[in-house]
Amino acid sequence: MITLNSISHTYPGENEAALRDVSLTLEDATVTALVGPNGSGKTTLMQILGGLMAPTSGSISIDGSQASADDLLTGSIIASSARDFDELYSQSLVAYARLRPTWDEQLFAHYAERFDLRVNRKYVRKLSGGQAAILSASIALASGAPLTLLDEVQAPLDVPTRYALYEEILALAGECMEGKRPRRRFLISSHMVSELEKVAEDVIVLKKSELLAHETIDDFTCRVSALTGHASDIERFLAAHPDLAVIASRELGSTREIVVDLRGSAVGDIELASHSLTASPCSFQDAFAYLIQENDQ
């Protein structure tokens, strides 16, 4: 269990905080999605979790004991699409990764074959963005690190390769859950929100450096629903629930559709039927978009 206690961070020379009072706990969920608009603090959060920087304030504990930056650094690995290792040979990069006591050579060989990785005395900078990213992701997955942080590593990949990477993450996470491998947590950030719905078990949402939500994918998806009915029935329903915020609304002739956050409300199927309304849950991507929009209002 990894707990963040009121984590804030402001970069030197900056007035605005990159993260502001973020508190959350990563418990048993194996794969967590980290989503948010550009500049929301996703990369900063990952670098703090990875021990690459210390927060300006707040603390992190692992299984109840306060964790130092060294604890976080040795217990995690970060893979991204940034070209941080361009001046290394791919062979040297893998050789360095093999120093980890948890390294799995057989697993890396599997990734090398599936993704056609060529590990040789060739500078990483001579690889395409996609090749460099999948090399970084393969090293991270084979590292055996208890906390594996994938920061937009899939961004340069074509669709088939992205989906193949998701398959490998799910397969590895499944083996960890079944006890076939040591316990691991995977935190994946991406702007491709819709693709994470079938990969992650829970989601962390950041907006303007603050935590907006941390819940299971199912709870997050169910929290936002589209209610459709005759305009007069919609008005009657809203009058009966004045505290229910309308996130979005549109007219379809005499029919009206509203998008509402039903989380924490007592509204159920029976009451909706009594108002002649039909409800349909929004997709994960739409729920994310509506949550961000609602926060701006």
C-alpha atoms as a PDB file:
ATOM      1  CA  MET A   1       0.000   0.000   0.000  1.00  0.00           C
ATOM      2  CA  ILE A   2       1.420   3.349  -1.100  1.00  0.00           C
ATOM      3  CA  THR A   3      -0.069   6.440   0.550  1.00  0.00           C
ATOM      4  CA  LEU A   4       0.456  10.042  -0.511  1.00  0.00           C
ATOM      5  CA  ASN A   5      -0.141  12.498   2.302  1.00  0.00           C
ATOM      6  CA  SER A   6      -0.883  16.080   1.162  1.00  0.00           C
ATOM      7  CA  ILE A   7       1.742  16.050  -1.595  1.00  0.00           C
ATOM      8  CA  SER A   8       2.470  19.453  -3.137  1.00  0.00           C
ATOM      9  CA  HIS A   9       5.252  20.499  -5.458  1.00  0.00           C
ATOM     10  CA  THR A  10       6.345  23.805  -6.952  1.00  0.00           C
ATOM     11  CA  TYR A  11       9.257  23.914  -9.377  1.00  0.00           C
ATOM     12  CA  PRO A  12      12.024  26.444  -8.649  1.00  0.00           C
ATOM     13  CA  GLY A  13      11.265  29.806 -10.190  1.00  0.00           C
ATOM     14  CA  GLU A  14       7.578  28.986 -10.680  1.00  0.00           C
ATOM     15  CA  ASN A  15       4.723  30.694  -8.862  1.00  0.00           C
ATOM     16  CA  GLU A  16       2.062  28.083  -9.565  1.00  0.00           C
ATOM     17  CA  ALA A  17       2.222  24.664  -7.950  1.00  0.00           C
ATOM     18  CA  ALA A  18       2.568  21.652 -10.262  1.00  0.00           C
ATOM     19  CA  LEU A  19       0.784  19.561  -7.624  1.00  0.00           C
ATOM     20  CA  ARG A  20      -1.381  20.874  -4.818  1.00  0.00           C
ATOM     21  CA  ASP A  21      -2.339  18.919  -1.688  1.00  0.00           C
ATOM     22  CA  VAL A  22      -2.740  15.512  -3.354  1.00  0.00           C
ATOM     23  CA  SER A  23      -3.684  12.716  -0.953  1.00  0.00           C
ATOM     24  CA  LEU A  24      -4.502   9.213  -2.142  1.00  0.00           C
ATOM     25  CA  THR A  25      -3.728   5.570  -1.496  1.00  0.00           C
ATOM     26  CA  LEU A  26      -2.706   2.968  -4.064  1.00  0.00           C
ATOM     27  CA  GLU A  27      -4.046  -0.232  -2.574  1.00  0.00           C
ATOM     28  CA  ASP A  28      -4.682  -3.584  -4.223  1.00  0.00           C
ATOM     29  CA  ALA A  29      -5.545  -2.412  -7.732  1.00  0.00           C
ATOM     30  CA  THR A  30      -2.859  -3.729 -10.037  1.00  0.00           C
ATOM     31  CA  VAL A  31      -3.326  -1.324 -12.968  1.00  0.00           C
ATOM     32  CA  THR A  32      -4.250   2.312 -12.350  1.00  0.00           C
ATOM     33  CA  ALA A  33      -4.940   4.890 -15.054  1.00  0.00           C
ATOM     34  CA  LEU A  34      -3.642   8.415 -14.472  1.00  0.00           C
ATOM     35  CA  VAL A  35      -5.499  10.949 -16.607  1.00  0.00           C
ATOM     36  CA  GLY A  36      -5.845  14.686 -16.843  1.00  0.00           C
ATOM     37  CA  PRO A  37      -5.371  17.602 -19.263  1.00  0.00           C
ATOM     38  CA  ASN A  38      -1.925  18.886 -20.218  1.00  0.00           C
ATOM     39  CA  GLY A  39      -0.258  20.595 -17.277  1.00  0.00           C
ATOM     40  CA  SER A  40      -2.435  18.849 -14.691  1.00  0.00           C
ATOM     41  CA  GLY A  41       0.570  17.373 -12.849  1.00  0.00           C
ATOM     42  CA  LYS A  42       0.640  13.780 -14.131  1.00  0.00           C
ATOM     43  CA  THR A  43       4.369  13.664 -14.928  1.00  0.00           C
ATOM     44  CA  THR A  44       5.243  15.483 -11.701  1.00  0.00           C
ATOM     45  CA  LEU A  45       3.279  12.918  -9.706  1.00  0.00           C
ATOM     46  CA  MET A  46       5.042  10.066 -11.476  1.00  0.00           C
ATOM     47  CA  GLN A  47       8.491  11.542 -10.907  1.00  0.00           C
ATOM     48  CA  ILE A  48       7.750  11.958  -7.203  1.00  0.00           C
ATOM     49  CA  LEU A  49       6.459   8.382  -6.946  1.00  0.00           C
ATOM     50  CA  GLY A  50       9.545   7.222  -8.813  1.00  0.00           C
ATOM     51  CA  GLY A  51      11.884   8.984  -6.401  1.00  0.00           C
ATOM     52  CA  LEU A  52      13.280  11.292  -9.086  1.00  0.00           C
ATOM     53  CA  MET A  53      12.272  14.386  -7.161  1.00  0.00           C
ATOM     54  CA  ALA A  54      11.213  15.178  -3.618  1.00  0.00           C
ATOM     55  CA  PRO A  55       7.890  16.955  -3.099  1.00  0.00           C
ATOM     56  CA  THR A  56       7.960  20.509  -1.792  1.00  0.00           C
ATOM     57  CA  SER A  57       5.695  19.382   1.028  1.00  0.00           C
ATOM     58  CA  GLY A  58       3.885  16.272   2.143  1.00  0.00           C
ATOM     59  CA  SER A  59       5.095  12.699   2.534  1.00  0.00           C
ATOM     60  CA  ILE A  60       4.763   9.212   1.052  1.00  0.00           C
ATOM     61  CA  SER A  61       4.486   6.003   3.042  1.00  0.00           C
ATOM     62  CA  ILE A  62       4.774   2.388   1.945  1.00  0.00           C
ATOM     63  CA  ASP A  63       2.828  -0.137   4.026  1.00  0.00           C
ATOM     64  CA  GLY A  64       2.594   2.405   6.843  1.00  0.00           C
ATOM     65  CA  SER A  65       6.286   3.364   6.955  1.00  0.00           C
ATOM     66  CA  GLN A  66       7.504   6.693   5.652  1.00  0.00           C
ATOM     67  CA  ALA A  67       9.367   6.261   2.372  1.00  0.00           C
ATOM     68  CA  SER A  68      12.504   8.154   1.410  1.00  0.00           C
ATOM     69  CA  ALA A  69      13.387   9.133  -2.140  1.00  0.00           C
ATOM     70  CA  ASP A  70      15.855   6.205  -2.177  1.00  0.00           C
ATOM     71  CA  ASP A  71      13.082   3.797  -1.144  1.00  0.00           C
ATOM     72  CA  LEU A  72      10.919   5.039  -3.990  1.00  0.00           C
ATOM     73  CA  LEU A  73      13.780   5.018  -6.485  1.00  0.00           C
ATOM     74  CA  THR A  74      14.819   1.431  -5.790  1.00  0.00           C
ATOM     75  CA  GLY A  75      11.234   0.163  -5.732  1.00  0.00           C
ATOM     76  CA  SER A  76      10.074   1.689  -8.988  1.00  0.00           C
ATOM     77  CA  ILE A  77      10.888   2.301 -12.636  1.00  0.00           C
ATOM     78  CA  ILE A  78       9.628   4.966 -15.045  1.00  0.00           C
ATOM     79  CA  ALA A  79       9.229   4.515 -18.788  1.00  0.00           C
ATOM     80  CA  SER A  80       8.204   7.384 -21.033  1.00  0.00           C
ATOM     81  CA  SER A  81       8.343   8.507 -24.641  1.00  0.00           C
ATOM     82  CA  ALA A  82      10.886  11.207 -23.746  1.00  0.00           C
ATOM     83  CA  ARG A  83      14.256  10.762 -25.445  1.00  0.00           C
ATOM     84  CA  ASP A  84      16.252  10.773 -22.208  1.00  0.00           C
ATOM     85  CA  PHE A  85      18.545   7.910 -23.249  1.00  0.00           C
ATOM     86  CA  ASP A  86      19.304   8.958 -26.814  1.00  0.00           C
ATOM     87  CA  GLU A  87      23.068   9.109 -26.215  1.00  0.00           C
ATOM     88  CA  LEU A  88      23.244   5.513 -24.966  1.00  0.00           C
ATOM     89  CA  TYR A  89      23.569   2.363 -26.997  1.00  0.00           C
ATOM     90  CA  SER A  90      20.404   0.262 -26.743  1.00  0.00           C
ATOM     91  CA  GLN A  91      22.688  -2.567 -25.654  1.00  0.00           C
ATOM     92  CA  SER A  92      24.058  -0.457 -22.791  1.00  0.00           C
ATOM     93  CA  LEU A  93      20.557   0.564 -21.697  1.00  0.00           C
ATOM     94  CA  VAL A  94      19.454  -3.052 -21.402  1.00  0.00           C
ATOM     95  CA  ALA A  95      22.713  -4.051 -19.700  1.00  0.00           C
ATOM     96  CA  TYR A  96      22.088  -1.393 -17.054  1.00  0.00           C
ATOM     97  CA  ALA A  97      18.506  -2.617 -16.555  1.00  0.00           C
ATOM     98  CA  ARG A  98      19.801  -6.161 -16.050  1.00  0.00           C
ATOM     99  CA  LEU A  99      21.514  -5.019 -12.847  1.00  0.00           C
ATOM    100  CA  ARG A 100      18.138  -5.016 -11.080  1.00  0.00           C
ATOM    101  CA  PRO A 101      17.847  -8.106  -8.867  1.00  0.00           C
ATOM    102  CA  THR A 102      14.225  -8.482 -10.014  1.00  0.00           C
ATOM    103  CA  TRP A 103      15.080  -8.426 -13.735  1.00  0.00           C
ATOM    104  CA  ASP A 104      13.366 -11.155 -15.803  1.00  0.00           C
ATOM    105  CA  GLU A 105      15.502 -12.060 -18.812  1.00  0.00           C
ATOM    106  CA  GLN A 106      12.967 -14.538 -20.170  1.00  0.00           C
ATOM    107  CA  LEU A 107      10.239 -11.917 -20.089  1.00  0.00           C
ATOM    108  CA  PHE A 108      12.414  -9.385 -21.880  1.00  0.00           C
ATOM    109  CA  ALA A 109      13.283 -11.973 -24.543  1.00  0.00           C
ATOM    110  CA  HIS A 110       9.550 -12.459 -25.099  1.00  0.00           C
ATOM    111  CA  TYR A 111       9.048  -8.715 -25.601  1.00  0.00           C
ATOM    112  CA  ALA A 112      12.087  -8.489 -27.857  1.00  0.00           C
ATOM    113  CA  GLU A 113      10.578 -11.156 -30.100  1.00  0.00           C
ATOM    114  CA  ARG A 114       7.042  -9.785 -30.098  1.00  0.00           C
ATOM    115  CA  PHE A 115       8.058  -6.180 -30.762  1.00  0.00           C
ATOM    116  CA  ASP A 116      11.070  -6.987 -32.945  1.00  0.00           C
ATOM    117  CA  LEU A 117      13.494  -5.201 -30.627  1.00  0.00           C
ATOM    118  CA  ARG A 118      17.063  -5.025 -31.853  1.00  0.00           C
ATOM    119  CA  VAL A 119      19.392  -4.587 -28.929  1.00  0.00           C
ATOM    120  CA  ASN A 120      22.841  -3.742 -30.267  1.00  0.00           C
ATOM    121  CA  ARG A 121      25.546  -1.097 -30.365  1.00  0.00           C
ATOM    122  CA  LYS A 122      23.249   1.421 -31.952  1.00  0.00           C
ATOM    123  CA  TYR A 123      22.449   4.736 -30.339  1.00  0.00           C
ATOM    124  CA  VAL A 124      18.901   5.037 -29.033  1.00  0.00           C
ATOM    125  CA  ARG A 125      18.659   8.369 -30.857  1.00  0.00           C
ATOM    126  CA  LYS A 126      18.844   6.474 -34.145  1.00  0.00           C
ATOM    127  CA  LEU A 127      15.672   4.587 -33.268  1.00  0.00           C
ATOM    128  CA  SER A 128      12.297   5.966 -34.295  1.00  0.00           C
ATOM    129  CA  GLY A 129      10.088   7.426 -31.589  1.00  0.00           C
ATOM    130  CA  GLY A 130       7.976   4.286 -31.563  1.00  0.00           C
ATOM    131  CA  GLN A 131      10.967   1.936 -31.416  1.00  0.00           C
ATOM    132  CA  ALA A 132      12.533   3.880 -28.545  1.00  0.00           C
ATOM    133  CA  ALA A 133       9.231   3.954 -26.654  1.00  0.00           C
ATOM    134  CA  ILE A 134       8.551   0.219 -26.956  1.00  0.00           C
ATOM    135  CA  LEU A 135      12.139  -0.517 -25.906  1.00  0.00           C
ATOM    136  CA  SER A 136      11.633   1.625 -22.807  1.00  0.00           C
ATOM    137  CA  ALA A 137       8.277  -0.030 -22.050  1.00  0.00           C
ATOM    138  CA  SER A 138       9.717  -3.530 -22.487  1.00  0.00           C
ATOM    139  CA  ILE A 139      12.560  -2.771 -20.091  1.00  0.00           C
ATOM    140  CA  ALA A 140      10.088  -1.413 -17.532  1.00  0.00           C
ATOM    141  CA  LEU A 141       7.838  -4.467 -17.738  1.00  0.00           C
ATOM    142  CA  ALA A 142      10.761  -6.904 -17.529  1.00  0.00           C
ATOM    143  CA  SER A 143      12.346  -4.983 -14.640  1.00  0.00           C
ATOM    144  CA  GLY A 144      10.175  -6.598 -12.000  1.00  0.00           C
ATOM    145  CA  ALA A 145       9.914  -3.236 -10.210  1.00  0.00           C
ATOM    146  CA  PRO A 146       7.120  -3.295  -7.597  1.00  0.00           C
ATOM    147  CA  LEU A 147       5.867   0.065  -8.913  1.00  0.00           C
ATOM    148  CA  THR A 148       6.023   0.405 -12.695  1.00  0.00           C
ATOM    149  CA  LEU A 149       5.243   3.886 -14.005  1.00  0.00           C
ATOM    150  CA  LEU A 150       4.376   4.257 -17.698  1.00  0.00           C
ATOM    151  CA  ASP A 151       4.250   7.961 -18.502  1.00  0.00           C
ATOM    152  CA  GLU A 152       2.689   8.410 -21.958  1.00  0.00           C
ATOM    153  CA  VAL A 153       5.052   5.695 -23.199  1.00  0.00           C
ATOM    154  CA  GLN A 154       2.413   4.529 -25.695  1.00  0.00           C
ATOM    155  CA  ALA A 155       1.982   7.966 -27.299  1.00  0.00           C
ATOM    156  CA  PRO A 156       4.350   7.418 -30.288  1.00  0.00           C
ATOM    157  CA  LEU A 157       3.139   3.868 -30.973  1.00  0.00           C
ATOM    158  CA  ASP A 158       0.888   2.910 -33.854  1.00  0.00           C
ATOM    159  CA  VAL A 159      -2.476   1.382 -32.989  1.00  0.00           C
ATOM    160  CA  PRO A 160      -1.515  -2.324 -33.377  1.00  0.00           C
ATOM    161  CA  THR A 161       1.604  -1.856 -31.238  1.00  0.00           C
ATOM    162  CA  ARG A 162      -0.307   0.076 -28.572  1.00  0.00           C
ATOM    163  CA  TYR A 163      -2.881  -2.681 -28.313  1.00  0.00           C
ATOM    164  CA  ALA A 164      -0.173  -5.336 -28.199  1.00  0.00           C
ATOM    165  CA  LEU A 165       1.481  -3.422 -25.348  1.00  0.00           C
ATOM    166  CA  TYR A 166      -1.827  -3.271 -23.463  1.00  0.00           C
ATOM    167  CA  GLU A 167      -2.186  -7.034 -23.921  1.00  0.00           C
ATOM    168  CA  GLU A 168       1.247  -7.589 -22.411  1.00  0.00           C
ATOM    169  CA  ILE A 169       0.495  -5.299 -19.466  1.00  0.00           C
ATOM    170  CA  LEU A 170      -2.755  -7.147 -18.766  1.00  0.00           C
ATOM    171  CA  ALA A 171      -1.084 -10.546 -19.077  1.00  0.00           C
ATOM    172  CA  LEU A 172       1.698  -9.558 -16.690  1.00  0.00           C
ATOM    173  CA  ALA A 173      -0.725  -7.939 -14.230  1.00  0.00           C
ATOM    174  CA  GLY A 174      -2.885 -11.054 -14.323  1.00  0.00           C
ATOM    175  CA  GLU A 175       0.071 -13.288 -13.434  1.00  0.00           C
ATOM    176  CA  CYS A 176       0.900 -10.977 -10.533  1.00  0.00           C
ATOM    177  CA  MET A 177      -2.702 -11.100  -9.295  1.00  0.00           C
ATOM    178  CA  GLU A 178      -2.744 -14.902  -9.522  1.00  0.00           C
ATOM    179  CA  GLY A 179       0.422 -15.171  -7.450  1.00  0.00           C
ATOM    180  CA  LYS A 180       2.512 -16.527 -10.316  1.00  0.00           C
ATOM    181  CA  ARG A 181       4.799 -13.505  -9.990  1.00  0.00           C
ATOM    182  CA  PRO A 182       5.614 -11.098  -7.149  1.00  0.00           C
ATOM    183  CA  ARG A 183       3.043  -8.389  -6.489  1.00  0.00           C
ATOM    184  CA  ARG A 184       3.379  -5.332  -8.727  1.00  0.00           C
ATOM    185  CA  ARG A 185       1.478  -2.112  -9.386  1.00  0.00           C
ATOM    186  CA  PHE A 186       1.290  -0.436 -12.789  1.00  0.00           C
ATOM    187  CA  LEU A 187       0.422   3.260 -13.132  1.00  0.00           C
ATOM    188  CA  ILE A 188      -0.295   4.331 -16.719  1.00  0.00           C
ATOM    189  CA  SER A 189      -0.781   7.927 -17.819  1.00  0.00           C
ATOM    190  CA  SER A 190      -2.209   8.740 -21.228  1.00  0.00           C
ATOM    191  CA  HIS A 191      -4.214  11.275 -23.199  1.00  0.00           C
ATOM    192  CA  MET A 192      -5.829   8.327 -25.012  1.00  0.00           C
ATOM    193  CA  VAL A 193      -8.398   8.039 -22.254  1.00  0.00           C
ATOM    194  CA  SER A 194     -10.784   5.662 -24.019  1.00  0.00           C
ATOM    195  CA  GLU A 195      -8.049   3.026 -24.433  1.00  0.00           C
ATOM    196  CA  LEU A 196      -7.405   2.784 -20.704  1.00  0.00           C
ATOM    197  CA  GLU A 197     -10.936   1.683 -19.810  1.00  0.00           C
ATOM    198  CA  LYS A 198     -10.213  -1.974 -20.608  1.00  0.00           C
ATOM    199  CA  VAL A 199      -6.701  -1.925 -19.161  1.00  0.00           C
ATOM    200  CA  ALA A 200      -7.021  -0.295 -15.743  1.00  0.00           C
ATOM    201  CA  GLU A 201      -8.911  -1.297 -12.609  1.00  0.00           C
ATOM    202  CA  ASP A 202      -9.071   2.186 -11.123  1.00  0.00           C
ATOM    203  CA  VAL A 203      -8.402   5.757 -12.192  1.00  0.00           C
ATOM    204  CA  ILE A 204      -6.755   8.867 -10.776  1.00  0.00           C
ATOM    205  CA  VAL A 205      -7.946  12.144 -12.314  1.00  0.00           C
ATOM    206  CA  LEU A 206      -5.907  15.343 -11.984  1.00  0.00           C
ATOM    207  CA  LYS A 207      -6.953  18.824 -13.053  1.00  0.00           C
ATOM    208  CA  LYS A 208      -5.037  22.066 -12.492  1.00  0.00           C
ATOM    209  CA  SER A 209      -2.606  20.330 -10.121  1.00  0.00           C
ATOM    210  CA  GLU A 210      -5.364  18.961  -7.895  1.00  0.00           C
ATOM    211  CA  LEU A 211      -6.920  15.551  -7.386  1.00  0.00           C
ATOM    212  CA  LEU A 212     -10.460  15.371  -8.781  1.00  0.00           C
ATOM    213  CA  ALA A 213     -11.180  11.677  -8.400  1.00  0.00           C
ATOM    214  CA  HIS A 214      -9.652   8.366  -7.398  1.00  0.00           C
ATOM    215  CA  GLU A 215     -12.015   5.418  -7.763  1.00  0.00           C
ATOM    216  CA  THR A 216     -12.601   2.184  -9.649  1.00  0.00           C
ATOM    217  CA  ILE A 217     -13.195   2.372 -13.387  1.00  0.00           C
ATOM    218  CA  ASP A 218     -16.724   0.989 -12.871  1.00  0.00           C
ATOM    219  CA  ASP A 219     -17.590   3.587 -10.226  1.00  0.00           C
ATOM    220  CA  PHE A 220     -16.104   6.350 -12.344  1.00  0.00           C
ATOM    221  CA  THR A 221     -18.078   5.303 -15.424  1.00  0.00           C
ATOM    222  CA  CYS A 222     -21.337   4.896 -13.488  1.00  0.00           C
ATOM    223  CA  ARG A 223     -21.067   8.270 -11.797  1.00  0.00           C
ATOM    224  CA  VAL A 224     -22.146  10.138 -14.947  1.00  0.00           C
ATOM    225  CA  SER A 225     -25.419   9.242 -16.680  1.00  0.00           C
ATOM    226  CA  ALA A 226     -27.419  10.691 -19.536  1.00  0.00           C
ATOM    227  CA  LEU A 227     -31.121  11.025 -18.697  1.00  0.00           C
ATOM    228  CA  THR A 228     -33.576  11.327 -21.580  1.00  0.00           C
ATOM    229  CA  GLY A 229     -37.279  12.121 -21.581  1.00  0.00           C
ATOM    230  CA  HIS A 230     -39.912  14.675 -22.460  1.00  0.00           C
ATOM    231  CA  ALA A 231     -38.754  18.179 -21.558  1.00  0.00           C
ATOM    232  CA  SER A 232     -41.578  18.575 -19.033  1.00  0.00           C
ATOM    233  CA  ASP A 233     -40.643  15.283 -17.334  1.00  0.00           C
ATOM    234  CA  ILE A 234     -37.021  16.404 -17.122  1.00  0.00           C
ATOM    235  CA  GLU A 235     -38.083  19.676 -15.518  1.00  0.00           C
ATOM    236  CA  ARG A 236     -40.303  17.826 -13.038  1.00  0.00           C
ATOM    237  CA  PHE A 237     -37.432  15.497 -12.148  1.00  0.00           C
ATOM    238  CA  LEU A 238     -34.982  18.391 -11.646  1.00  0.00           C
ATOM    239  CA  ALA A 239     -37.498  20.242  -9.489  1.00  0.00           C
ATOM    240  CA  ALA A 240     -37.665  17.177  -7.237  1.00  0.00           C
ATOM    241  CA  HIS A 241     -33.854  17.116  -7.014  1.00  0.00           C
ATOM    242  CA  PRO A 242     -32.673  20.737  -6.763  1.00  0.00           C
ATOM    243  CA  ASP A 243     -29.240  19.661  -5.482  1.00  0.00           C
ATOM    244  CA  LEU A 244     -28.522  17.540  -8.556  1.00  0.00           C
ATOM    245  CA  ALA A 245     -26.106  19.430 -10.820  1.00  0.00           C
ATOM    246  CA  VAL A 246     -26.680  19.293 -14.569  1.00  0.00           C
ATOM    247  CA  ILE A 247     -23.351  18.876 -16.329  1.00  0.00           C
ATOM    248  CA  ALA A 248     -24.711  19.154 -19.871  1.00  0.00           C
ATOM    249  CA  SER A 249     -28.075  19.557 -21.563  1.00  0.00           C
ATOM    250  CA  ARG A 250     -29.443  19.459 -25.082  1.00  0.00           C
ATOM    251  CA  GLU A 251     -32.865  19.724 -26.686  1.00  0.00           C
ATOM    252  CA  LEU A 252     -34.066  17.120 -29.192  1.00  0.00           C
ATOM    253  CA  GLY A 253     -37.404  18.592 -30.268  1.00  0.00           C
ATOM    254  CA  SER A 254     -39.817  17.952 -27.411  1.00  0.00           C
ATOM    255  CA  THR A 255     -37.298  15.582 -25.878  1.00  0.00           C
ATOM    256  CA  ARG A 256     -34.496  16.733 -23.616  1.00  0.00           C
ATOM    257  CA  GLU A 257     -31.292  14.970 -22.603  1.00  0.00           C
ATOM    258  CA  ILE A 258     -29.347  15.973 -19.510  1.00  0.00           C
ATOM    259  CA  VAL A 259     -26.063  14.644 -18.190  1.00  0.00           C
ATOM    260  CA  VAL A 260     -25.873  14.412 -14.407  1.00  0.00           C
ATOM    261  CA  ASP A 261     -23.547  13.067 -11.753  1.00  0.00           C
ATOM    262  CA  LEU A 262     -25.656  10.557  -9.814  1.00  0.00           C
ATOM    263  CA  ARG A 263     -22.894   9.502  -7.459  1.00  0.00           C
ATOM    264  CA  GLY A 264     -24.016   9.898  -3.870  1.00  0.00           C
ATOM    265  CA  SER A 265     -27.640  10.528  -4.849  1.00  0.00           C
ATOM    266  CA  ALA A 266     -30.598   8.339  -3.928  1.00  0.00           C
ATOM    267  CA  VAL A 267     -31.958   8.327  -7.477  1.00  0.00           C
ATOM    268  CA  GLY A 268     -32.655   4.811  -8.697  1.00  0.00           C
ATOM    269  CA  ASP A 269     -34.304   3.047 -11.613  1.00  0.00           C
ATOM    270  CA  ILE A 270     -37.741   3.083  -9.968  1.00  0.00           C
ATOM    271  CA  GLU A 271     -37.737   6.848  -9.509  1.00  0.00           C
ATOM    272  CA  LEU A 272     -36.449   7.450 -13.022  1.00  0.00           C
ATOM    273  CA  ALA A 273     -39.249   5.274 -14.374  1.00  0.00           C
ATOM    274  CA  SER A 274     -41.776   7.232 -12.322  1.00  0.00           C
ATOM    275  CA  HIS A 275     -40.655  10.347 -14.197  1.00  0.00           C
ATOM    276  CA  SER A 276     -40.752   8.500 -17.551  1.00  0.00           C
ATOM    277  CA  LEU A 277     -37.004   8.948 -17.943  1.00  0.00           C
ATOM    278  CA  THR A 278     -34.462   6.553 -19.376  1.00  0.00           C
ATOM    279  CA  ALA A 279     -30.857   6.472 -18.197  1.00  0.00           C
ATOM    280  CA  SER A 280     -27.745   5.397 -20.062  1.00  0.00           C
ATOM    281  CA  PRO A 281     -24.249   5.383 -18.530  1.00  0.00           C
ATOM    282  CA  CYS A 282     -21.616   7.453 -20.269  1.00  0.00           C
ATOM    283  CA  SER A 283     -18.419   5.971 -21.608  1.00  0.00           C
ATOM    284  CA  PHE A 284     -15.227   6.265 -19.606  1.00  0.00           C
ATOM    285  CA  GLN A 285     -13.968   8.959 -21.973  1.00  0.00           C
ATOM    286  CA  ASP A 286     -17.218  10.924 -21.769  1.00  0.00           C
ATOM    287  CA  ALA A 287     -17.296  10.637 -17.970  1.00  0.00           C
ATOM    288  CA  PHE A 288     -13.756  12.057 -17.897  1.00  0.00           C
ATOM    289  CA  ALA A 289     -14.668  14.881 -20.277  1.00  0.00           C
ATOM    290  CA  TYR A 290     -17.794  15.773 -18.295  1.00  0.00           C
ATOM    291  CA  LEU A 291     -15.930  15.693 -14.978  1.00  0.00           C
ATOM    292  CA  ILE A 292     -13.307  18.104 -16.335  1.00  0.00           C
ATOM    293  CA  GLN A 293     -16.033  20.327 -17.774  1.00  0.00           C
ATOM    294  CA  GLU A 294     -18.011  20.295 -14.516  1.00  0.00           C
ATOM    295  CA  ASN A 295     -14.893  21.283 -12.583  1.00  0.00           C
ATOM    296  CA  ASP A 296     -14.453  24.328 -14.815  1.00  0.00           C
ATOM    297  CA  GLN A 297     -17.947  25.623 -14.200  1.00  0.00           C
END
